[in-house]
PDB file of N, CA and C in Angstrom:
ATOM      1  N   MET A   1       1.659  -0.838   7.875  1.00  0.00           N
ATOM      2  CA  MET A   1       1.670   0.465   8.482  1.00  0.00           C
ATOM      3  C   MET A   1       2.008   0.361   9.969  1.00  0.00           C
ATOM      4  N   ILE A   2       1.338  -0.523  10.653  1.00  0.00           N
ATOM      5  CA  ILE A   2       1.575  -0.687  12.082  1.00  0.00           C
ATOM      6  C   ILE A   2       2.979  -1.224  12.325  1.00  0.00           C
ATOM      7  N   HIS A   3       3.451  -2.112  11.449  1.00  0.00           N
ATOM      8  CA  HIS A   3       4.809  -2.641  11.584  1.00  0.00           C
ATOM      9  C   HIS A   3       5.832  -1.515  11.460  1.00  0.00           C
ATOM     10  N   TYR A   4       5.629  -0.604  10.506  1.00  0.00           N
ATOM     11  CA  TYR A   4       6.530   0.536  10.336  1.00  0.00           C
ATOM     12  C   TYR A   4       6.545   1.400  11.599  1.00  0.00           C
ATOM     13  N   ILE A   5       5.395   1.662  12.165  1.00  0.00           N
ATOM     14  CA  ILE A   5       5.320   2.475  13.381  1.00  0.00           C
ATOM     15  C   ILE A   5       6.012   1.768  14.541  1.00  0.00           C
ATOM     16  N   ASP A   6       5.843   0.452  14.637  1.00  0.00           N
ATOM     17  CA  ASP A   6       6.482  -0.310  15.701  1.00  0.00           C
ATOM     18  C   ASP A   6       8.004  -0.256  15.579  1.00  0.00           C
ATOM     19  N   ILE A   7       8.525  -0.477  14.386  1.00  0.00           N
ATOM     20  CA  ILE A   7       9.974  -0.417  14.177  1.00  0.00           C
ATOM     21  C   ILE A   7      10.486   0.996  14.430  1.00  0.00           C
ATOM     22  N   TYR A   8       9.764   1.993  13.979  1.00  0.00           N
ATOM     23  CA  TYR A   8      10.156   3.383  14.218  1.00  0.00           C
ATOM     24  C   TYR A   8      10.232   3.661  15.720  1.00  0.00           C
ATOM     25  N   TRP A   9       9.251   3.193  16.463  1.00  0.00           N
ATOM     26  CA  TRP A   9       9.201   3.431  17.899  1.00  0.00           C
ATOM     27  C   TRP A   9      10.378   2.754  18.601  1.00  0.00           C
ATOM     28  N   LEU A  10      10.767   1.563  18.130  1.00  0.00           N
ATOM     29  CA  LEU A  10      11.864   0.836  18.753  1.00  0.00           C
ATOM     30  C   LEU A  10      13.231   1.395  18.378  1.00  0.00           C
ATOM     31  N   VAL A  11      13.395   1.880  17.155  1.00  0.00           N
ATOM     32  CA  VAL A  11      14.705   2.239  16.635  1.00  0.00           C
ATOM     33  C   VAL A  11      15.054   3.701  16.851  1.00  0.00           C
ATOM     34  N   MET A  12      14.120   4.601  16.625  1.00  0.00           N
ATOM     35  CA  MET A  12      14.430   6.031  16.658  1.00  0.00           C
ATOM     36  C   MET A  12      14.595   6.525  18.097  1.00  0.00           C
ATOM     37  N   PRO A  13      15.755   7.102  18.407  1.00  0.00           N
ATOM     38  CA  PRO A  13      15.945   7.640  19.756  1.00  0.00           C
ATOM     39  C   PRO A  13      15.265   9.000  19.907  1.00  0.00           C
ATOM     40  N   GLN A  14      14.907   9.325  21.098  1.00  0.00           N
ATOM     41  CA  GLN A  14      14.342  10.638  21.389  1.00  0.00           C
ATOM     42  C   GLN A  14      15.488  11.532  21.845  1.00  0.00           C
ATOM     43  N   LEU A  15      15.955  12.413  20.967  1.00  0.00           N
ATOM     44  CA  LEU A  15      17.112  13.240  21.273  1.00  0.00           C
ATOM     45  C   LEU A  15      16.751  14.449  22.119  1.00  0.00           C
ATOM     46  N   SER A  16      15.598  15.021  21.876  1.00  0.00           N
ATOM     47  CA  SER A  16      15.175  16.172  22.669  1.00  0.00           C
ATOM     48  C   SER A  16      13.660  16.143  22.803  1.00  0.00           C
ATOM     49  N   SER A  17      13.182  16.828  23.806  1.00  0.00           N
ATOM     50  CA  SER A  17      11.732  16.854  24.008  1.00  0.00           C
ATOM     51  C   SER A  17      11.077  17.978  23.218  1.00  0.00           C
ATOM     52  N   GLU A  18      11.874  18.795  22.531  1.00  0.00           N
ATOM     53  CA  GLU A  18      11.330  19.894  21.737  1.00  0.00           C
ATOM     54  C   GLU A  18      11.121  19.451  20.296  1.00  0.00           C
ATOM     55  N   GLY A  19      10.098  19.954  19.680  1.00  0.00           N
ATOM     56  CA  GLY A  19       9.852  19.667  18.274  1.00  0.00           C
ATOM     57  C   GLY A  19       9.102  18.366  18.067  1.00  0.00           C
ATOM     58  N   PRO A  20       8.758  18.106  16.815  1.00  0.00           N
ATOM     59  CA  PRO A  20       8.004  16.886  16.513  1.00  0.00           C
ATOM     60  C   PRO A  20       8.888  15.647  16.676  1.00  0.00           C
ATOM     61  N   PRO A  21       8.283  14.504  16.969  1.00  0.00           N
ATOM     62  CA  PRO A  21       9.071  13.284  17.155  1.00  0.00           C
ATOM     63  C   PRO A  21       9.593  12.702  15.841  1.00  0.00           C
ATOM     64  N   PHE A  22       9.180  13.234  14.713  1.00  0.00           N
ATOM     65  CA  PHE A  22       9.669  12.756  13.420  1.00  0.00           C
ATOM     66  C   PHE A  22       9.962  13.961  12.539  1.00  0.00           C
ATOM     67  N   SER A  23      10.785  13.737  11.538  1.00  0.00           N
ATOM     68  CA  SER A  23      11.183  14.843  10.671  1.00  0.00           C
ATOM     69  C   SER A  23      10.504  14.720   9.309  1.00  0.00           C
ATOM     70  N   LEU A  24      10.717  15.713   8.499  1.00  0.00           N
ATOM     71  CA  LEU A  24      10.177  15.697   7.146  1.00  0.00           C
ATOM     72  C   LEU A  24      10.793  14.560   6.341  1.00  0.00           C
ATOM     73  N   LEU A  25      12.059  14.267   6.592  1.00  0.00           N
ATOM     74  CA  LEU A  25      12.730  13.175   5.887  1.00  0.00           C
ATOM     75  C   LEU A  25      12.071  11.832   6.191  1.00  0.00           C
ATOM     76  N   ASP A  26      11.634  11.622   7.422  1.00  0.00           N
ATOM     77  CA  ASP A  26      10.928  10.388   7.777  1.00  0.00           C
ATOM     78  C   ASP A  26       9.639  10.252   6.973  1.00  0.00           C
ATOM     79  N   LEU A  27       8.897  11.331   6.865  1.00  0.00           N
ATOM     80  CA  LEU A  27       7.645  11.295   6.097  1.00  0.00           C
ATOM     81  C   LEU A  27       7.912  11.067   4.613  1.00  0.00           C
ATOM     82  N   LEU A  28       8.962  11.698   4.082  1.00  0.00           N
ATOM     83  CA  LEU A  28       9.294  11.521   2.669  1.00  0.00           C
ATOM     84  C   LEU A  28       9.738  10.092   2.374  1.00  0.00           C
ATOM     85  N   CYS A  29      10.507   9.494   3.271  1.00  0.00           N
ATOM     86  CA  CYS A  29      10.915   8.099   3.084  1.00  0.00           C
ATOM     87  C   CYS A  29       9.703   7.172   3.110  1.00  0.00           C
ATOM     88  N   PHE A  30       8.794   7.406   4.037  1.00  0.00           N
ATOM     89  CA  PHE A  30       7.584   6.591   4.120  1.00  0.00           C
ATOM     90  C   PHE A  30       6.747   6.737   2.853  1.00  0.00           C
ATOM     91  N   ALA A  31       6.590   7.967   2.371  1.00  0.00           N
ATOM     92  CA  ALA A  31       5.825   8.207   1.146  1.00  0.00           C
ATOM     93  C   ALA A  31       6.538   7.609  -0.065  1.00  0.00           C
ATOM     94  N   GLY A  32       7.857   7.670  -0.091  1.00  0.00           N
ATOM     95  CA  GLY A  32       8.613   7.108  -1.210  1.00  0.00           C
ATOM     96  C   GLY A  32       8.495   5.599  -1.287  1.00  0.00           C
ATOM     97  N   ILE A  33       8.608   4.928  -0.162  1.00  0.00           N
ATOM     98  CA  ILE A  33       8.482   3.471  -0.144  1.00  0.00           C
ATOM     99  C   ILE A  33       7.051   3.066  -0.498  1.00  0.00           C
ATOM    100  N   GLY A  34       6.069   3.799   0.025  1.00  0.00           N
ATOM    101  CA  GLY A  34       4.674   3.517  -0.332  1.00  0.00           C
ATOM    102  C   GLY A  34       4.405   3.757  -1.804  1.00  0.00           C
ATOM    103  N   GLY A  35       4.978   4.831  -2.357  1.00  0.00           N
ATOM    104  CA  GLY A  35       4.815   5.111  -3.780  1.00  0.00           C
ATOM    105  C   GLY A  35       5.468   4.055  -4.647  1.00  0.00           C
ATOM    106  N   LEU A  36       6.641   3.572  -4.223  1.00  0.00           N
ATOM    107  CA  LEU A  36       7.316   2.504  -4.962  1.00  0.00           C
ATOM    108  C   LEU A  36       6.481   1.225  -4.950  1.00  0.00           C
ATOM    109  N   PHE A  37       5.900   0.907  -3.802  1.00  0.00           N
ATOM    110  CA  PHE A  37       5.035  -0.267  -3.710  1.00  0.00           C
ATOM    111  C   PHE A  37       3.817  -0.131  -4.622  1.00  0.00           C
ATOM    112  N   LEU A  38       3.166   1.032  -4.599  1.00  0.00           N
ATOM    113  CA  LEU A  38       1.984   1.237  -5.440  1.00  0.00           C
ATOM    114  C   LEU A  38       2.332   1.219  -6.923  1.00  0.00           C
ATOM    115  N   ALA A  39       3.488   1.771  -7.288  1.00  0.00           N
ATOM    116  CA  ALA A  39       3.912   1.756  -8.688  1.00  0.00           C
ATOM    117  C   ALA A  39       4.169   0.330  -9.158  1.00  0.00           C
ATOM    118  N   CYS A  40       4.840  -0.465  -8.341  1.00  0.00           N
ATOM    119  CA  CYS A  40       5.090  -1.866  -8.710  1.00  0.00           C
ATOM    120  C   CYS A  40       3.781  -2.645  -8.809  1.00  0.00           C
ATOM    121  N   ALA A  41       2.866  -2.409  -7.878  1.00  0.00           N
ATOM    122  CA  ALA A  41       1.575  -3.096  -7.920  1.00  0.00           C
ATOM    123  C   ALA A  41       0.793  -2.702  -9.166  1.00  0.00           C
ATOM    124  N   ALA A  42       0.837  -1.425  -9.552  1.00  0.00           N
ATOM    125  CA  ALA A  42       0.120  -0.971 -10.748  1.00  0.00           C
ATOM    126  C   ALA A  42       0.739  -1.556 -12.012  1.00  0.00           C
ATOM    127  N   ILE A  43       2.056  -1.638 -12.068  1.00  0.00           N
ATOM    128  CA  ILE A  43       2.724  -2.213 -13.241  1.00  0.00           C
ATOM    129  C   ILE A  43       2.391  -3.689 -13.367  1.00  0.00           C
ATOM    130  N   LEU A  44       2.450  -4.417 -12.250  1.00  0.00           N
ATOM    131  CA  LEU A  44       2.139  -5.846 -12.300  1.00  0.00           C
ATOM    132  C   LEU A  44       0.665  -6.086 -12.618  1.00  0.00           C
ATOM    133  N   ALA A  45      -0.231  -5.259 -12.094  1.00  0.00           N
ATOM    134  CA  ALA A  45      -1.659  -5.420 -12.375  1.00  0.00           C
ATOM    135  C   ALA A  45      -1.966  -5.064 -13.822  1.00  0.00           C
ATOM    136  N   GLY A  46      -1.207  -4.149 -14.411  1.00  0.00           N
ATOM    137  CA  GLY A  46      -1.435  -3.765 -15.801  1.00  0.00           C
ATOM    138  C   GLY A  46      -1.023  -4.832 -16.792  1.00  0.00           C
ATOM    139  N   LYS A  47      -0.144  -5.723 -16.391  1.00  0.00           N
ATOM    140  CA  LYS A  47       0.335  -6.778 -17.289  1.00  0.00           C
ATOM    141  C   LYS A  47      -0.566  -8.008 -17.279  1.00  0.00           C
ATOM    142  N   ARG A  48      -1.480  -8.071 -16.347  1.00  0.00           N
ATOM    143  CA  ARG A  48      -2.329  -9.254 -16.215  1.00  0.00           C
ATOM    144  C   ARG A  48      -3.801  -8.863 -16.371  1.00  0.00           C
ATOM    145  N   ALA A  49      -4.573  -9.825 -16.788  1.00  0.00           N
ATOM    146  CA  ALA A  49      -6.012  -9.599 -16.929  1.00  0.00           C
ATOM    147  C   ALA A  49      -6.653  -9.618 -15.542  1.00  0.00           C
ATOM    148  N   LEU A  50      -7.401  -8.582 -15.223  1.00  0.00           N
ATOM    149  CA  LEU A  50      -8.057  -8.512 -13.927  1.00  0.00           C
ATOM    150  C   LEU A  50      -9.414  -9.208 -13.931  1.00  0.00           C
ATOM    151  N   VAL A  51      -9.903  -9.517 -15.119  1.00  0.00           N
ATOM    152  CA  VAL A  51     -11.150 -10.258 -15.291  1.00  0.00           C
ATOM    153  C   VAL A  51     -10.780 -11.579 -15.956  1.00  0.00           C
ATOM    154  N   PRO A  52     -11.347 -12.692 -15.510  1.00  0.00           N
ATOM    155  CA  PRO A  52     -10.993 -13.973 -16.103  1.00  0.00           C
ATOM    156  C   PRO A  52     -11.333 -14.021 -17.594  1.00  0.00           C
ATOM    157  N   LEU A  53     -10.388 -14.469 -18.379  1.00  0.00           N
ATOM    158  CA  LEU A  53     -10.590 -14.565 -19.823  1.00  0.00           C
ATOM    159  C   LEU A  53     -11.186 -15.925 -20.177  1.00  0.00           C
ATOM    160  N   ARG A  54     -12.043 -15.932 -21.177  1.00  0.00           N
ATOM    161  CA  ARG A  54     -12.672 -17.161 -21.687  1.00  0.00           C
ATOM    162  C   ARG A  54     -13.418 -17.929 -20.590  1.00  0.00           C
ATOM    163  N   ASP A  55     -14.048 -17.204 -19.676  1.00  0.00           N
ATOM    164  CA  ASP A  55     -14.845 -17.845 -18.635  1.00  0.00           C
ATOM    165  C   ASP A  55     -16.269 -17.985 -19.146  1.00  0.00           C
ATOM    166  N   PRO A  56     -16.782 -19.195 -19.269  1.00  0.00           N
ATOM    167  CA  PRO A  56     -18.127 -19.363 -19.816  1.00  0.00           C
ATOM    168  C   PRO A  56     -19.231 -18.832 -18.892  1.00  0.00           C
ATOM    169  N   GLN A  57     -18.971 -18.665 -17.621  1.00  0.00           N
ATOM    170  CA  GLN A  57     -19.994 -18.198 -16.687  1.00  0.00           C
ATOM    171  C   GLN A  57     -19.778 -16.747 -16.261  1.00  0.00           C
ATOM    172  N   LEU A  58     -18.943 -16.003 -16.968  1.00  0.00           N
ATOM    173  CA  LEU A  58     -18.652 -14.622 -16.591  1.00  0.00           C
ATOM    174  C   LEU A  58     -19.893 -13.734 -16.699  1.00  0.00           C
ATOM    175  N   ALA A  59     -20.624 -13.832 -17.787  1.00  0.00           N
ATOM    176  CA  ALA A  59     -21.812 -12.988 -17.965  1.00  0.00           C
ATOM    177  C   ALA A  59     -22.846 -13.272 -16.875  1.00  0.00           C
ATOM    178  N   GLU A  60     -23.018 -14.536 -16.554  1.00  0.00           N
ATOM    179  CA  GLU A  60     -23.978 -14.898 -15.506  1.00  0.00           C
ATOM    180  C   GLU A  60     -23.531 -14.365 -14.141  1.00  0.00           C
ATOM    181  N   SER A  61     -22.257 -14.453 -13.850  1.00  0.00           N
ATOM    182  CA  SER A  61     -21.776 -13.976 -12.552  1.00  0.00           C
ATOM    183  C   SER A  61     -21.830 -12.453 -12.451  1.00  0.00           C
ATOM    184  N   LEU A  62     -21.700 -11.739 -13.560  1.00  0.00           N
ATOM    185  CA  LEU A  62     -21.806 -10.286 -13.532  1.00  0.00           C
ATOM    186  C   LEU A  62     -23.246  -9.824 -13.325  1.00  0.00           C
ATOM    187  N   ARG A  63     -24.214 -10.630 -13.750  1.00  0.00           N
ATOM    188  CA  ARG A  63     -25.628 -10.292 -13.561  1.00  0.00           C
ATOM    189  C   ARG A  63     -26.125 -10.626 -12.159  1.00  0.00           C
ATOM    190  N   PHE A  64     -25.363 -11.371 -11.390  1.00  0.00           N
ATOM    191  CA  PHE A  64     -25.796 -11.817 -10.064  1.00  0.00           C
ATOM    192  C   PHE A  64     -25.981 -10.631  -9.123  1.00  0.00           C
ATOM    193  N   GLU A  65     -27.096 -10.620  -8.406  1.00  0.00           N
ATOM    194  CA  GLU A  65     -27.365  -9.598  -7.400  1.00  0.00           C
ATOM    195  C   GLU A  65     -27.682 -10.290  -6.085  1.00  0.00           C
ATOM    196  N   ASN A  66     -26.969  -9.930  -5.061  1.00  0.00           N
ATOM    197  CA  ASN A  66     -27.191 -10.499  -3.741  1.00  0.00           C
ATOM    198  C   ASN A  66     -28.024  -9.516  -2.932  1.00  0.00           C
ATOM    199  N   VAL A  67     -29.266  -9.873  -2.711  1.00  0.00           N
ATOM    200  CA  VAL A  67     -30.175  -8.965  -2.018  1.00  0.00           C
ATOM    201  C   VAL A  67     -30.339  -9.367  -0.591  1.00  0.00           C
TER     202      VAL A  67
END
């Protein structure tokens, strides 16, 4: 996020002092790239087991409470 803001600050020229410093298209591009990243992460996470399979100590580790 901070990297995107840094690149935006360096690259985007300030054409006029009126209006917002960014447009709706900038926000849509940012949301689109973020949505693409989240979709890819969800697809990759859905193909893999998020809990270790055949772990003999899984039940014990799930019962663990750190007080």
